[in-house]
Amino acid sequence: MIRFIVLVGIILRNSILFTTRAAMIGATVILVDPVFQCLAISLHLGLISSTTLIIPVIPAIHWIAKT
């Protein structure tokens, strides 16, 4: 099971990280605006936490559904 989760996580990692980086670069523009700065910080933290959770969780759910 662990091997399956790691293998699928490696396969999905590139597309997930590319999307996360693109969203973070887009949100970096609003970091200089004092009104939307808190929104940009929360967006960055949400992207980081969801990315670190999604890479092992999606393959685990898929493995559980198949068995």
N, C-alpha and C. Protein backbone atom coordinates (compact mmCIF):
# COMPACT_ATOMS: atom_id res chain seq x y z
N MET A 1 0.83 -1.19 0.00
CA MET A 1 0.00 0.00 0.00
C MET A 1 0.87 1.25 0.00
N ILE A 2 1.88 1.28 0.83
CA ILE A 2 2.74 2.46 0.91
C ILE A 2 3.43 2.68 -0.43
N ARG A 3 3.87 1.59 -1.06
CA ARG A 3 4.55 1.72 -2.36
C ARG A 3 3.60 2.30 -3.41
N PHE A 4 2.34 1.86 -3.41
CA PHE A 4 1.35 2.38 -4.35
C PHE A 4 1.11 3.87 -4.12
N ILE A 5 0.98 4.27 -2.87
CA ILE A 5 0.73 5.68 -2.55
C ILE A 5 1.92 6.54 -2.98
N VAL A 6 3.13 6.05 -2.75
CA VAL A 6 4.32 6.81 -3.14
C VAL A 6 4.41 6.92 -4.65
N LEU A 7 4.14 5.83 -5.37
CA LEU A 7 4.24 5.83 -6.82
C LEU A 7 3.22 6.78 -7.46
N VAL A 8 1.98 6.71 -7.02
CA VAL A 8 0.96 7.60 -7.57
C VAL A 8 1.23 9.04 -7.15
N GLY A 9 1.72 9.25 -5.94
CA GLY A 9 2.07 10.60 -5.51
C GLY A 9 3.16 11.21 -6.36
N ILE A 10 4.13 10.40 -6.76
CA ILE A 10 5.20 10.90 -7.62
C ILE A 10 4.66 11.24 -9.00
N ILE A 11 3.75 10.43 -9.50
CA ILE A 11 3.18 10.69 -10.82
C ILE A 11 2.35 11.98 -10.81
N LEU A 12 1.55 12.18 -9.78
CA LEU A 12 0.68 13.36 -9.72
C LEU A 12 1.39 14.62 -9.23
N ARG A 13 2.56 14.45 -8.63
CA ARG A 13 3.26 15.55 -7.98
C ARG A 13 3.54 16.71 -8.93
N ASN A 14 3.99 16.42 -10.14
CA ASN A 14 4.38 17.50 -11.06
C ASN A 14 3.21 18.40 -11.43
N SER A 15 2.08 17.80 -11.77
CA SER A 15 0.93 18.63 -12.16
C SER A 15 0.38 19.41 -10.97
N ILE A 16 0.37 18.80 -9.79
CA ILE A 16 -0.13 19.49 -8.61
C ILE A 16 0.79 20.65 -8.23
N LEU A 17 2.09 20.41 -8.26
CA LEU A 17 3.04 21.47 -7.91
C LEU A 17 3.05 22.59 -8.94
N PHE A 18 2.87 22.26 -10.21
CA PHE A 18 2.81 23.29 -11.25
C PHE A 18 1.60 24.20 -11.03
N THR A 19 0.46 23.61 -10.74
CA THR A 19 -0.74 24.41 -10.49
C THR A 19 -0.60 25.26 -9.24
N THR A 20 -0.01 24.70 -8.20
CA THR A 20 0.20 25.45 -6.96
C THR A 20 1.14 26.61 -7.16
N ARG A 21 2.23 26.37 -7.89
CA ARG A 21 3.17 27.46 -8.15
C ARG A 21 2.53 28.57 -8.97
N ALA A 22 1.73 28.21 -9.96
CA ALA A 22 1.06 29.23 -10.78
C ALA A 22 0.11 30.08 -9.94
N ALA A 23 -0.64 29.44 -9.06
CA ALA A 23 -1.56 30.19 -8.20
C ALA A 23 -0.80 31.07 -7.21
N MET A 24 0.32 30.59 -6.70
CA MET A 24 1.10 31.39 -5.74
C MET A 24 1.75 32.59 -6.44
N ILE A 25 2.20 32.40 -7.66
CA ILE A 25 2.78 33.53 -8.40
C ILE A 25 1.70 34.56 -8.68
N GLY A 26 0.51 34.10 -9.02
CA GLY A 26 -0.59 35.04 -9.25
C GLY A 26 -1.00 35.78 -7.99
N ALA A 27 -0.94 35.11 -6.85
CA ALA A 27 -1.31 35.75 -5.59
C ALA A 27 -0.22 36.65 -5.05
N THR A 28 1.00 36.48 -5.53
CA THR A 28 2.10 37.33 -5.08
C THR A 28 1.89 38.78 -5.50
N VAL A 29 1.19 38.99 -6.59
CA VAL A 29 0.92 40.34 -7.08
C VAL A 29 0.12 41.15 -6.06
N ILE A 30 -0.81 40.51 -5.37
CA ILE A 30 -1.65 41.25 -4.42
C ILE A 30 -1.02 41.35 -3.04
N LEU A 31 0.17 40.80 -2.86
CA LEU A 31 0.84 40.93 -1.56
C LEU A 31 1.22 42.37 -1.24
N VAL A 32 1.47 43.19 -2.25
CA VAL A 32 1.89 44.57 -2.00
C VAL A 32 0.71 45.48 -1.67
N ASP A 33 -0.50 45.06 -1.98
CA ASP A 33 -1.69 45.87 -1.70
C ASP A 33 -2.07 45.70 -0.23
N PRO A 34 -2.12 46.78 0.54
CA PRO A 34 -2.42 46.63 1.97
C PRO A 34 -3.83 46.12 2.26
N VAL A 35 -4.76 46.36 1.35
CA VAL A 35 -6.14 45.90 1.59
C VAL A 35 -6.24 44.38 1.42
N PHE A 36 -5.59 43.85 0.40
CA PHE A 36 -5.70 42.42 0.08
C PHE A 36 -4.52 41.59 0.57
N GLN A 37 -3.65 42.17 1.38
CA GLN A 37 -2.47 41.45 1.83
C GLN A 37 -2.83 40.24 2.69
N CYS A 38 -3.78 40.37 3.58
CA CYS A 38 -4.20 39.24 4.41
C CYS A 38 -4.80 38.13 3.56
N LEU A 39 -5.54 38.50 2.53
CA LEU A 39 -6.11 37.50 1.63
C LEU A 39 -5.00 36.74 0.90
N ALA A 40 -3.98 37.44 0.47
CA ALA A 40 -2.88 36.80 -0.24
C ALA A 40 -2.11 35.86 0.68
N ILE A 41 -1.91 36.27 1.92
CA ILE A 41 -1.18 35.41 2.87
C ILE A 41 -1.99 34.15 3.16
N SER A 42 -3.28 34.30 3.38
CA SER A 42 -4.11 33.12 3.65
C SER A 42 -4.21 32.22 2.42
N LEU A 43 -4.20 32.82 1.25
CA LEU A 43 -4.21 32.03 0.02
C LEU A 43 -2.92 31.22 -0.12
N HIS A 44 -1.78 31.85 0.16
CA HIS A 44 -0.51 31.14 0.11
C HIS A 44 -0.47 29.98 1.12
N LEU A 45 -0.89 30.25 2.34
CA LEU A 45 -0.87 29.20 3.37
C LEU A 45 -1.85 28.07 3.04
N GLY A 46 -2.98 28.42 2.49
CA GLY A 46 -3.94 27.39 2.08
C GLY A 46 -3.42 26.53 0.94
N LEU A 47 -2.75 27.16 0.00
CA LEU A 47 -2.17 26.39 -1.10
C LEU A 47 -1.07 25.45 -0.61
N ILE A 48 -0.25 25.94 0.29
CA ILE A 48 0.83 25.09 0.82
C ILE A 48 0.27 23.91 1.60
N SER A 49 -0.70 24.17 2.47
CA SER A 49 -1.24 23.08 3.28
C SER A 49 -2.04 22.09 2.44
N SER A 50 -2.81 22.57 1.49
CA SER A 50 -3.59 21.64 0.67
C SER A 50 -2.70 20.82 -0.25
N THR A 51 -1.61 21.42 -0.72
CA THR A 51 -0.70 20.66 -1.58
C THR A 51 0.01 19.57 -0.80
N THR A 52 0.44 19.88 0.41
CA THR A 52 1.14 18.86 1.19
C THR A 52 0.19 17.74 1.63
N LEU A 53 -1.09 18.04 1.75
CA LEU A 53 -2.05 17.01 2.13
C LEU A 53 -2.55 16.20 0.93
N ILE A 54 -2.70 16.83 -0.22
CA ILE A 54 -3.34 16.18 -1.35
C ILE A 54 -2.46 15.12 -1.99
N ILE A 55 -1.14 15.30 -1.94
CA ILE A 55 -0.25 14.35 -2.63
C ILE A 55 -0.34 12.95 -2.01
N PRO A 56 -0.35 12.76 -0.69
CA PRO A 56 -0.52 11.39 -0.18
C PRO A 56 -1.98 10.95 -0.01
N VAL A 57 -2.90 11.89 0.14
CA VAL A 57 -4.29 11.52 0.47
C VAL A 57 -5.04 10.95 -0.74
N ILE A 58 -4.91 11.57 -1.91
CA ILE A 58 -5.64 11.11 -3.10
C ILE A 58 -5.26 9.67 -3.47
N PRO A 59 -3.96 9.32 -3.54
CA PRO A 59 -3.65 7.91 -3.82
C PRO A 59 -4.16 6.95 -2.74
N ALA A 60 -4.15 7.38 -1.48
CA ALA A 60 -4.66 6.52 -0.41
C ALA A 60 -6.16 6.27 -0.56
N ILE A 61 -6.90 7.29 -0.91
CA ILE A 61 -8.35 7.13 -1.12
C ILE A 61 -8.59 6.22 -2.31
N HIS A 62 -7.81 6.39 -3.36
CA HIS A 62 -7.95 5.54 -4.55
C HIS A 62 -7.65 4.08 -4.20
N TRP A 63 -6.61 3.85 -3.41
CA TRP A 63 -6.26 2.48 -3.04
C TRP A 63 -7.36 1.85 -2.17
N ILE A 64 -7.92 2.64 -1.25
CA ILE A 64 -8.98 2.13 -0.39
C ILE A 64 -10.23 1.81 -1.21
N ALA A 65 -10.52 2.64 -2.21
CA ALA A 65 -11.71 2.41 -3.03
C ALA A 65 -11.57 1.16 -3.90
N LYS A 66 -10.34 0.86 -4.32
CA LYS A 66 -10.13 -0.31 -5.17
C LYS A 66 -10.15 -1.61 -4.39
N THR A 67 -9.85 -1.56 -3.10
CA THR A 67 -9.81 -2.82 -2.33
C THR A 67 -11.10 -3.11 -1.63
